């Protein structure tokens, strides 16, 4: 499962994978001086974490921690609404070379 955890009163969000996100939240809480809150969980395959991290790369702070922005807010909402990972990733990925060529050909 992919999860999103927020460090309360900060702009930091962790996007990770765990079989039991609640247990992972508890284990992280022991070593972090901020209260942590589980914002979203989705039963998406583990491979999607890497693609999500790629989309969020510009806001990476360290490891799986990112600075909150509109992309993260949309990811959280998408996960809470039960959306598919491909829909979210595609909404933030640049169009493929083929799509760009076809768009130019139509113009």
Protein backbone atom coordinates (compact mmCIF):
# COMPACT_ATOMS: atom_id res chain seq x y z
CA UNK A 1 0.00 0.00 0.00
CA UNK A 2 1.12 3.51 -0.72
CA UNK A 3 0.66 5.97 2.11
CA UNK A 4 0.99 9.70 2.67
CA UNK A 5 2.04 10.95 6.11
CA UNK A 6 2.16 14.60 7.16
CA UNK A 7 4.45 16.03 9.84
CA UNK A 8 1.96 18.34 11.58
CA UNK A 9 2.79 22.07 11.71
CA UNK A 10 5.34 21.62 8.90
CA UNK A 11 5.22 21.52 5.11
CA UNK A 12 6.74 18.04 5.06
CA UNK A 13 4.97 15.01 3.62
CA UNK A 14 6.24 11.44 3.35
CA UNK A 15 5.11 9.23 0.48
CA UNK A 16 6.05 5.63 1.08
CA UNK A 17 5.04 1.99 0.89
CA UNK A 18 4.10 -0.32 3.74
CA UNK A 19 2.00 -3.41 4.24
CA UNK A 20 0.57 -1.80 7.35
CA UNK A 21 0.62 2.02 7.07
CA UNK A 22 -0.71 2.50 10.61
CA UNK A 23 2.17 0.46 12.02
CA UNK A 24 4.61 2.40 9.84
CA UNK A 25 3.18 5.67 11.17
CA UNK A 26 3.73 4.46 14.72
CA UNK A 27 7.34 3.40 14.03
CA UNK A 28 8.14 6.76 12.41
CA UNK A 29 6.55 8.70 15.25
CA UNK A 30 9.08 7.31 17.71
CA UNK A 31 11.99 9.03 15.96
CA UNK A 32 10.45 12.30 14.73
CA UNK A 33 9.82 15.32 17.00
CA UNK A 34 6.61 16.31 15.16
CA UNK A 35 3.19 14.75 15.46
CA UNK A 36 2.52 12.63 12.40
CA UNK A 37 -0.83 12.09 10.70
CA UNK A 38 -1.75 9.53 8.08
CA UNK A 39 -3.49 11.55 5.35
CA UNK A 40 -4.12 8.92 2.69
CA UNK A 41 -3.66 5.25 1.89
CA UNK A 42 -4.19 3.56 -1.46
CA UNK A 43 -3.96 -0.10 -2.35
CA UNK A 44 -1.70 0.67 -5.31
CA UNK A 45 1.21 -1.57 -6.37
CA UNK A 46 4.59 -0.67 -4.89
CA UNK A 47 6.00 0.25 -8.32
CA UNK A 48 3.83 3.37 -8.37
CA UNK A 49 5.80 4.88 -5.49
CA UNK A 50 8.79 5.41 -7.79
CA UNK A 51 6.65 7.08 -10.44
CA UNK A 52 5.00 9.30 -7.85
CA UNK A 53 8.40 10.25 -6.45
CA UNK A 54 9.52 11.13 -9.98
CA UNK A 55 6.58 13.53 -10.41
CA UNK A 56 7.33 15.08 -7.01
CA UNK A 57 11.12 15.22 -7.49
CA UNK A 58 11.28 19.01 -7.60
CA UNK A 59 9.97 19.22 -4.04
CA UNK A 60 12.04 16.38 -2.53
CA UNK A 61 13.62 17.32 0.80
CA UNK A 62 15.29 14.01 1.65
CA UNK A 63 14.53 10.40 0.83
CA UNK A 64 10.75 9.95 0.77
CA UNK A 65 10.04 13.37 2.34
CA UNK A 66 8.70 16.17 0.16
CA UNK A 67 7.67 19.78 0.67
CA UNK A 68 3.91 20.12 0.37
CA UNK A 69 2.64 21.78 -2.81
CA UNK A 70 -0.38 21.61 -5.12
CA UNK A 71 0.80 18.32 -6.67
CA UNK A 72 0.95 16.65 -3.27
CA UNK A 73 -2.43 18.09 -2.33
CA UNK A 74 -3.91 16.67 -5.53
CA UNK A 75 -2.25 13.29 -4.88
CA UNK A 76 -3.75 13.18 -1.39
CA UNK A 77 -7.22 14.03 -2.69
CA UNK A 78 -6.88 11.54 -5.55
CA UNK A 79 -5.93 8.78 -3.11
CA UNK A 80 -8.73 9.71 -0.69
CA UNK A 81 -11.25 9.65 -3.56
CA UNK A 82 -10.13 6.15 -4.62
CA UNK A 83 -8.62 7.22 -7.95
CA UNK A 84 -6.24 5.10 -10.00
CA UNK A 85 -2.52 5.92 -9.86
CA UNK A 86 -2.16 6.21 -13.64
CA UNK A 87 -4.73 9.03 -13.79
CA UNK A 88 -2.77 11.12 -11.27
CA UNK A 89 0.68 10.41 -12.74
CA UNK A 90 -0.54 11.20 -16.26
CA UNK A 91 -2.03 14.50 -15.13
CA UNK A 92 1.48 15.67 -14.09
CA UNK A 93 3.63 13.93 -16.69
CA UNK A 94 4.69 15.78 -19.83
CA UNK A 95 3.07 14.47 -23.00
CA UNK A 96 5.00 11.78 -24.80
CA UNK A 97 7.04 12.58 -27.89
CA UNK A 98 4.35 10.96 -30.05
CA UNK A 99 1.65 13.20 -28.56
CA UNK A 100 3.79 16.30 -29.20
CA UNK A 101 4.43 15.26 -32.82
CA UNK A 102 0.72 14.57 -33.42
CA UNK A 103 -0.22 17.92 -31.88
CA UNK A 104 2.23 19.70 -34.18
CA UNK A 105 0.90 17.78 -37.19
CA UNK A 106 -2.67 18.87 -36.38
CA UNK A 107 -1.70 22.53 -36.10
